[in-house]
N, C-alpha and C. Protein backbone atom coordinates (compact mmCIF):
# COMPACT_ATOMS: atom_id res chain seq x y z
N MET A 1 44.52 -49.34 -8.02
CA MET A 1 44.91 -49.37 -9.42
C MET A 1 46.00 -48.32 -9.65
N GLU A 2 47.10 -48.76 -10.10
CA GLU A 2 48.23 -47.87 -10.36
C GLU A 2 48.17 -47.37 -11.79
N MET A 3 48.45 -46.04 -11.94
CA MET A 3 48.44 -45.43 -13.26
C MET A 3 49.75 -44.70 -13.47
N THR A 4 50.16 -44.72 -14.68
CA THR A 4 51.32 -43.91 -15.01
C THR A 4 50.84 -42.47 -15.19
N GLN A 5 51.79 -41.57 -15.28
CA GLN A 5 51.43 -40.16 -15.45
C GLN A 5 50.69 -39.95 -16.77
N GLU A 6 51.12 -40.64 -17.80
CA GLU A 6 50.47 -40.52 -19.11
C GLU A 6 49.04 -41.06 -19.06
N GLN A 7 48.83 -42.18 -18.36
CA GLN A 7 47.48 -42.74 -18.23
C GLN A 7 46.58 -41.80 -17.43
N ALA A 8 47.12 -41.19 -16.38
CA ALA A 8 46.35 -40.25 -15.57
C ALA A 8 45.93 -39.04 -16.39
N LYS A 9 46.86 -38.49 -17.19
CA LYS A 9 46.53 -37.36 -18.06
C LYS A 9 45.46 -37.73 -19.07
N ALA A 10 45.57 -38.91 -19.63
CA ALA A 10 44.58 -39.37 -20.61
C ALA A 10 43.21 -39.54 -19.95
N ARG A 11 43.20 -40.08 -18.74
CA ARG A 11 41.94 -40.28 -18.02
C ARG A 11 41.30 -38.93 -17.65
N ILE A 12 42.13 -37.98 -17.22
CA ILE A 12 41.63 -36.64 -16.90
C ILE A 12 41.01 -36.00 -18.14
N ALA A 13 41.68 -36.09 -19.27
CA ALA A 13 41.16 -35.52 -20.52
C ALA A 13 39.84 -36.20 -20.91
N GLU A 14 39.77 -37.50 -20.72
CA GLU A 14 38.56 -38.26 -21.03
C GLU A 14 37.39 -37.82 -20.15
N LEU A 15 37.64 -37.68 -18.84
CA LEU A 15 36.60 -37.26 -17.90
C LEU A 15 36.15 -35.82 -18.16
N GLU A 16 37.10 -34.92 -18.45
CA GLU A 16 36.75 -33.53 -18.75
C GLU A 16 35.89 -33.45 -20.01
N LYS A 17 36.21 -34.26 -20.99
CA LYS A 17 35.42 -34.28 -22.23
C LYS A 17 34.01 -34.79 -21.95
N ALA A 18 33.88 -35.81 -21.11
CA ALA A 18 32.58 -36.38 -20.77
C ALA A 18 31.73 -35.39 -19.97
N LEU A 19 32.37 -34.59 -19.12
CA LEU A 19 31.63 -33.64 -18.27
C LEU A 19 31.49 -32.25 -18.90
N ALA A 20 32.07 -32.04 -20.07
CA ALA A 20 32.13 -30.70 -20.67
C ALA A 20 30.78 -30.03 -20.79
N GLY A 21 29.79 -30.67 -21.33
CA GLY A 21 28.50 -30.03 -21.54
C GLY A 21 27.49 -30.32 -20.45
N LYS A 22 27.94 -30.86 -19.34
CA LYS A 22 27.00 -31.28 -18.31
C LYS A 22 27.02 -30.42 -17.05
N THR A 23 27.35 -29.15 -17.20
CA THR A 23 27.27 -28.27 -16.05
C THR A 23 25.80 -27.95 -15.82
N LYS A 24 25.46 -27.59 -14.61
CA LYS A 24 24.05 -27.37 -14.27
C LYS A 24 23.48 -26.12 -14.91
N GLY A 25 24.27 -25.13 -15.15
CA GLY A 25 23.75 -23.89 -15.70
C GLY A 25 24.77 -23.21 -16.58
N LYS A 26 24.37 -22.09 -17.12
CA LYS A 26 25.25 -21.31 -17.98
C LYS A 26 26.29 -20.59 -17.13
N ARG A 27 27.51 -20.61 -17.55
CA ARG A 27 28.57 -19.90 -16.84
C ARG A 27 28.56 -18.45 -17.30
N LEU A 28 28.41 -17.54 -16.36
CA LEU A 28 28.37 -16.12 -16.68
C LEU A 28 29.71 -15.47 -16.39
N SER A 29 30.03 -14.44 -17.14
CA SER A 29 31.28 -13.72 -16.91
C SER A 29 31.09 -12.71 -15.78
N GLU A 30 32.19 -12.17 -15.30
CA GLU A 30 32.15 -11.15 -14.25
C GLU A 30 31.30 -9.96 -14.69
N ASP A 31 31.49 -9.52 -15.93
CA ASP A 31 30.76 -8.35 -16.42
C ASP A 31 29.26 -8.62 -16.51
N GLU A 32 28.88 -9.82 -16.96
CA GLU A 32 27.45 -10.17 -17.05
C GLU A 32 26.82 -10.19 -15.66
N LEU A 33 27.52 -10.78 -14.70
CA LEU A 33 26.99 -10.84 -13.33
C LEU A 33 26.86 -9.45 -12.72
N ALA A 34 27.88 -8.61 -12.91
CA ALA A 34 27.85 -7.26 -12.34
C ALA A 34 26.75 -6.42 -12.97
N ALA A 35 26.49 -6.61 -14.25
CA ALA A 35 25.44 -5.85 -14.93
C ALA A 35 24.05 -6.30 -14.47
N LYS A 36 23.89 -7.59 -14.27
CA LYS A 36 22.58 -8.14 -13.92
C LYS A 36 22.28 -8.04 -12.42
N TYR A 37 23.31 -8.18 -11.60
CA TYR A 37 23.13 -8.20 -10.15
C TYR A 37 24.03 -7.14 -9.50
N PRO A 38 23.50 -5.96 -9.19
CA PRO A 38 24.34 -4.90 -8.62
C PRO A 38 24.89 -5.24 -7.23
N HIS A 39 24.30 -6.21 -6.55
CA HIS A 39 24.78 -6.60 -5.22
C HIS A 39 25.90 -7.65 -5.27
N TYR A 40 26.36 -8.00 -6.47
CA TYR A 40 27.47 -8.96 -6.64
C TYR A 40 28.80 -8.23 -6.42
N LYS A 41 29.69 -8.85 -5.65
CA LYS A 41 31.00 -8.27 -5.38
C LYS A 41 31.97 -8.73 -6.46
N ARG A 42 32.43 -7.80 -7.25
CA ARG A 42 33.36 -8.15 -8.36
C ARG A 42 34.64 -8.80 -7.83
N GLY A 43 35.17 -9.71 -8.62
CA GLY A 43 36.42 -10.36 -8.28
C GLY A 43 36.29 -11.58 -7.39
N THR A 44 35.06 -11.99 -7.07
CA THR A 44 34.88 -13.13 -6.16
C THR A 44 34.34 -14.37 -6.87
N LEU A 45 34.21 -14.31 -8.18
CA LEU A 45 33.65 -15.43 -8.93
C LEU A 45 34.62 -16.62 -8.92
N ARG A 46 34.08 -17.80 -8.61
CA ARG A 46 34.90 -19.02 -8.64
C ARG A 46 34.02 -20.19 -9.05
N TRP A 47 34.66 -21.27 -9.44
CA TRP A 47 33.95 -22.48 -9.83
C TRP A 47 34.03 -23.49 -8.69
N ASP A 48 32.88 -23.97 -8.22
CA ASP A 48 32.83 -24.99 -7.17
C ASP A 48 32.72 -26.34 -7.86
N GLU A 49 33.79 -27.07 -7.83
CA GLU A 49 33.83 -28.36 -8.54
C GLU A 49 32.89 -29.39 -7.91
N LEU A 50 32.76 -29.37 -6.60
CA LEU A 50 31.90 -30.33 -5.93
C LEU A 50 30.43 -30.12 -6.32
N ALA A 51 29.97 -28.88 -6.27
CA ALA A 51 28.58 -28.57 -6.61
C ALA A 51 28.40 -28.38 -8.12
N ARG A 52 29.53 -28.24 -8.83
CA ARG A 52 29.53 -27.98 -10.27
C ARG A 52 28.69 -26.74 -10.59
N LYS A 53 28.97 -25.68 -9.85
CA LYS A 53 28.29 -24.40 -10.03
C LYS A 53 29.28 -23.27 -9.85
N GLN A 54 28.93 -22.12 -10.43
CA GLN A 54 29.69 -20.92 -10.17
C GLN A 54 29.22 -20.33 -8.85
N LYS A 55 30.16 -19.82 -8.09
CA LYS A 55 29.81 -19.17 -6.83
C LYS A 55 30.48 -17.81 -6.77
N GLY A 56 29.87 -16.93 -5.99
CA GLY A 56 30.42 -15.60 -5.82
C GLY A 56 29.89 -15.01 -4.53
N ILE A 57 30.39 -13.84 -4.19
CA ILE A 57 29.95 -13.18 -2.96
C ILE A 57 28.96 -12.09 -3.31
N VAL A 58 27.85 -12.06 -2.57
CA VAL A 58 26.86 -11.01 -2.71
C VAL A 58 26.86 -10.17 -1.43
N ILE A 59 26.50 -8.91 -1.59
CA ILE A 59 26.49 -7.97 -0.46
C ILE A 59 25.04 -7.60 -0.18
N CYS A 60 24.63 -7.71 1.09
CA CYS A 60 23.27 -7.37 1.50
C CYS A 60 23.02 -5.89 1.18
N ALA A 61 21.90 -5.61 0.52
CA ALA A 61 21.57 -4.25 0.11
C ALA A 61 21.22 -3.36 1.31
N LYS A 62 20.91 -3.97 2.43
CA LYS A 62 20.49 -3.17 3.59
C LYS A 62 21.62 -2.97 4.60
N CYS A 63 22.28 -4.06 5.01
CA CYS A 63 23.29 -3.94 6.07
C CYS A 63 24.73 -4.07 5.58
N GLY A 64 24.94 -4.55 4.34
CA GLY A 64 26.29 -4.67 3.80
C GLY A 64 27.01 -5.96 4.15
N LYS A 65 26.33 -6.90 4.80
CA LYS A 65 26.95 -8.18 5.16
C LYS A 65 27.23 -8.98 3.88
N GLU A 66 28.36 -9.68 3.84
CA GLU A 66 28.74 -10.48 2.68
C GLU A 66 28.41 -11.94 2.91
N ALA A 67 28.00 -12.63 1.81
CA ALA A 67 27.71 -14.06 1.89
C ALA A 67 28.01 -14.71 0.55
N GLU A 68 28.56 -15.92 0.59
CA GLU A 68 28.83 -16.64 -0.65
C GLU A 68 27.58 -17.38 -1.09
N ARG A 69 27.23 -17.24 -2.36
CA ARG A 69 26.05 -17.89 -2.93
C ARG A 69 26.40 -18.42 -4.32
N ALA A 70 25.63 -19.41 -4.75
CA ALA A 70 25.73 -19.87 -6.13
C ALA A 70 25.14 -18.78 -7.03
N THR A 71 25.70 -18.59 -8.21
CA THR A 71 25.20 -17.54 -9.10
C THR A 71 23.74 -17.78 -9.47
N SER A 72 23.31 -19.03 -9.45
CA SER A 72 21.91 -19.34 -9.76
C SER A 72 20.97 -18.83 -8.68
N ASP A 73 21.50 -18.48 -7.49
CA ASP A 73 20.69 -17.97 -6.39
C ASP A 73 20.81 -16.45 -6.22
N PHE A 74 21.58 -15.80 -7.07
CA PHE A 74 21.78 -14.35 -6.93
C PHE A 74 20.47 -13.58 -7.01
N PHE A 75 19.53 -14.04 -7.83
CA PHE A 75 18.28 -13.29 -8.02
C PHE A 75 17.47 -13.22 -6.73
N GLN A 76 17.66 -14.16 -5.82
CA GLN A 76 16.91 -14.15 -4.56
C GLN A 76 17.80 -13.85 -3.35
N SER A 77 18.98 -13.32 -3.61
CA SER A 77 19.93 -13.08 -2.52
C SER A 77 20.24 -11.60 -2.36
N ARG A 78 19.26 -10.75 -2.50
CA ARG A 78 19.51 -9.32 -2.37
C ARG A 78 19.77 -8.92 -0.91
N TYR A 79 19.13 -9.63 0.01
CA TYR A 79 19.27 -9.33 1.44
C TYR A 79 19.78 -10.55 2.20
N CYS A 80 20.44 -10.31 3.32
CA CYS A 80 20.84 -11.41 4.21
C CYS A 80 19.57 -11.92 4.91
N PRO A 81 19.59 -13.09 5.53
CA PRO A 81 18.38 -13.63 6.16
C PRO A 81 17.73 -12.70 7.19
N GLU A 82 18.53 -12.01 7.99
CA GLU A 82 17.96 -11.11 9.00
C GLU A 82 17.24 -9.94 8.35
N CYS A 83 17.87 -9.32 7.36
CA CYS A 83 17.27 -8.17 6.68
C CYS A 83 16.07 -8.60 5.85
N ARG A 84 16.13 -9.81 5.26
CA ARG A 84 15.01 -10.31 4.47
C ARG A 84 13.75 -10.41 5.34
N LYS A 85 13.92 -10.87 6.58
CA LYS A 85 12.78 -10.96 7.50
C LYS A 85 12.19 -9.58 7.77
N ALA A 86 13.06 -8.60 8.01
CA ALA A 86 12.59 -7.24 8.29
C ALA A 86 11.88 -6.64 7.08
N VAL A 87 12.44 -6.81 5.89
CA VAL A 87 11.83 -6.28 4.66
C VAL A 87 10.50 -6.97 4.41
N SER A 88 10.46 -8.27 4.60
CA SER A 88 9.23 -9.04 4.41
C SER A 88 8.13 -8.56 5.35
N LYS A 89 8.51 -8.29 6.60
CA LYS A 89 7.54 -7.83 7.60
C LYS A 89 6.93 -6.49 7.18
N VAL A 90 7.76 -5.57 6.70
CA VAL A 90 7.28 -4.26 6.24
C VAL A 90 6.39 -4.42 5.02
N THR A 91 6.79 -5.26 4.07
CA THR A 91 6.02 -5.48 2.86
C THR A 91 4.65 -6.07 3.18
N LYS A 92 4.63 -7.05 4.07
CA LYS A 92 3.36 -7.67 4.46
C LYS A 92 2.45 -6.66 5.14
N ALA A 93 3.03 -5.80 5.99
CA ALA A 93 2.23 -4.78 6.69
C ALA A 93 1.63 -3.80 5.68
N ALA A 94 2.40 -3.41 4.67
CA ALA A 94 1.90 -2.49 3.64
C ALA A 94 0.78 -3.15 2.84
N THR A 95 0.92 -4.43 2.54
CA THR A 95 -0.12 -5.16 1.81
C THR A 95 -1.40 -5.24 2.64
N ARG A 96 -1.24 -5.54 3.93
CA ARG A 96 -2.42 -5.61 4.81
C ARG A 96 -3.12 -4.26 4.87
N LYS A 97 -2.34 -3.17 4.93
CA LYS A 97 -2.91 -1.83 4.99
C LYS A 97 -3.71 -1.55 3.72
N THR A 98 -3.17 -1.89 2.56
CA THR A 98 -3.86 -1.67 1.30
C THR A 98 -5.16 -2.46 1.25
N VAL A 99 -5.12 -3.71 1.66
CA VAL A 99 -6.32 -4.55 1.66
C VAL A 99 -7.36 -3.98 2.62
N THR A 100 -6.92 -3.51 3.77
CA THR A 100 -7.84 -2.92 4.75
C THR A 100 -8.49 -1.66 4.18
N GLU A 101 -7.68 -0.82 3.51
CA GLU A 101 -8.23 0.39 2.89
C GLU A 101 -9.26 0.05 1.82
N GLN A 102 -8.98 -0.96 1.01
CA GLN A 102 -9.92 -1.37 -0.03
C GLN A 102 -11.21 -1.91 0.58
N ALA A 103 -11.09 -2.69 1.64
CA ALA A 103 -12.28 -3.24 2.30
C ALA A 103 -13.13 -2.12 2.90
N THR A 104 -12.47 -1.11 3.47
CA THR A 104 -13.19 0.04 4.04
C THR A 104 -13.92 0.81 2.94
N GLU A 105 -13.25 1.02 1.82
CA GLU A 105 -13.88 1.72 0.69
C GLU A 105 -15.08 0.94 0.16
N LEU A 106 -14.93 -0.38 0.05
CA LEU A 106 -16.02 -1.23 -0.42
C LEU A 106 -17.22 -1.14 0.53
N ALA A 107 -16.97 -1.17 1.82
CA ALA A 107 -18.06 -1.07 2.81
C ALA A 107 -18.76 0.28 2.69
N ALA A 108 -18.01 1.35 2.49
CA ALA A 108 -18.61 2.69 2.33
C ALA A 108 -19.47 2.76 1.07
N LEU A 109 -18.99 2.18 -0.02
CA LEU A 109 -19.77 2.18 -1.26
C LEU A 109 -21.05 1.36 -1.11
N ARG A 110 -20.94 0.23 -0.43
CA ARG A 110 -22.15 -0.58 -0.21
C ARG A 110 -23.16 0.18 0.65
N ALA A 111 -22.69 0.91 1.65
CA ALA A 111 -23.58 1.71 2.50
C ALA A 111 -24.26 2.81 1.69
N THR A 112 -23.50 3.44 0.78
CA THR A 112 -24.06 4.49 -0.08
C THR A 112 -25.15 3.91 -0.97
N LEU A 113 -24.90 2.73 -1.52
CA LEU A 113 -25.90 2.07 -2.37
C LEU A 113 -27.15 1.72 -1.58
N ALA A 114 -26.96 1.23 -0.37
CA ALA A 114 -28.09 0.85 0.47
C ALA A 114 -28.95 2.07 0.80
N LYS A 115 -28.31 3.22 1.08
CA LYS A 115 -29.05 4.45 1.38
C LYS A 115 -29.85 4.92 0.16
N ALA A 116 -29.27 4.70 -1.03
CA ALA A 116 -29.94 5.12 -2.26
C ALA A 116 -31.02 4.13 -2.69
N GLY A 117 -31.13 3.02 -1.98
CA GLY A 117 -32.14 2.02 -2.30
C GLY A 117 -31.77 1.13 -3.48
N ILE A 118 -30.49 1.05 -3.79
CA ILE A 118 -30.03 0.20 -4.90
C ILE A 118 -29.42 -1.05 -4.31
N SER A 119 -29.89 -2.22 -4.77
CA SER A 119 -29.33 -3.47 -4.25
C SER A 119 -28.04 -3.81 -5.02
N GLN A 120 -27.23 -4.65 -4.43
CA GLN A 120 -25.98 -5.05 -5.07
C GLN A 120 -26.24 -5.87 -6.32
N VAL A 121 -27.35 -6.59 -6.36
CA VAL A 121 -27.72 -7.38 -7.54
C VAL A 121 -27.99 -6.45 -8.71
N ASP A 122 -28.70 -5.31 -8.46
CA ASP A 122 -28.97 -4.33 -9.51
C ASP A 122 -27.68 -3.75 -10.07
N VAL A 123 -26.72 -3.47 -9.18
CA VAL A 123 -25.44 -2.90 -9.61
C VAL A 123 -24.67 -3.91 -10.45
N ALA A 124 -24.65 -5.16 -10.03
CA ALA A 124 -23.95 -6.20 -10.78
C ALA A 124 -24.57 -6.37 -12.16
N ALA A 125 -25.90 -6.38 -12.26
CA ALA A 125 -26.58 -6.53 -13.55
C ALA A 125 -26.31 -5.33 -14.44
N ALA A 126 -26.34 -4.13 -13.88
CA ALA A 126 -26.11 -2.92 -14.66
C ALA A 126 -24.66 -2.87 -15.16
N THR A 127 -23.73 -3.34 -14.36
CA THR A 127 -22.33 -3.34 -14.76
C THR A 127 -22.10 -4.31 -15.90
N VAL A 128 -22.75 -5.46 -15.87
CA VAL A 128 -22.61 -6.45 -16.94
C VAL A 128 -23.20 -5.91 -18.23
N GLU A 129 -24.35 -5.23 -18.15
CA GLU A 129 -25.02 -4.71 -19.34
C GLU A 129 -24.30 -3.48 -19.90
N ALA A 130 -23.76 -2.63 -19.05
CA ALA A 130 -23.13 -1.39 -19.50
C ALA A 130 -21.73 -1.66 -20.02
N LYS A 131 -21.34 -0.86 -21.01
CA LYS A 131 -19.99 -0.98 -21.53
C LYS A 131 -19.01 -0.22 -20.66
N GLU A 132 -19.50 0.80 -19.97
CA GLU A 132 -18.67 1.57 -19.07
C GLU A 132 -19.13 1.30 -17.64
N PRO A 133 -18.25 1.50 -16.66
CA PRO A 133 -18.65 1.26 -15.27
C PRO A 133 -19.80 2.16 -14.85
N VAL A 134 -20.63 1.66 -13.96
CA VAL A 134 -21.76 2.41 -13.44
C VAL A 134 -21.27 3.40 -12.40
N GLU A 135 -21.71 4.64 -12.51
CA GLU A 135 -21.31 5.66 -11.55
C GLU A 135 -22.27 5.67 -10.37
N VAL A 136 -21.74 5.78 -9.19
CA VAL A 136 -22.55 5.82 -7.97
C VAL A 136 -22.38 7.19 -7.35
N ALA A 137 -23.50 7.83 -7.05
CA ALA A 137 -23.43 9.19 -6.48
C ALA A 137 -22.99 9.17 -5.06
C-alpha cells in the first residue's frame, strides 16, 4: 500500500493518539527515579518502543556491575544475579541461625518447666487465663 507523505503523517498522528494512554506503567522522570532508586545511573533513561516501557541502567550495590532494566523492575534490581545469590545465601544462613537459637531457647524452657513439675498444658491454660505472660523461674 503506497502512502503519500501527508497520509503517512496523518496515520502516525492517528496511531500515536490511539496508543497515548495505553502505556504499561507510569513514566517517571530522571529526578523521581534517582530519588526512589539510589542504584539508578542518571542520564540513562530511555523509552523502549518495542516493550513500551521505560528502561535505564542500574548499578549493582555490591560489585558495581551495570545492567539495563525496565524501570518497573528497579525495585528488585539492587544486585546483579551473582551478588544476589551471595546476599541470599548470607540472609538464609542468618535466618537459619535465628530459628536454631529460638528452638534451643524453647527446648531449655521446656526442660525448666519439666524440672519444676509443670506440664505444657498447665502453662498454655495459665497463659490463656492471665492477662500478662506467665513468668517461669
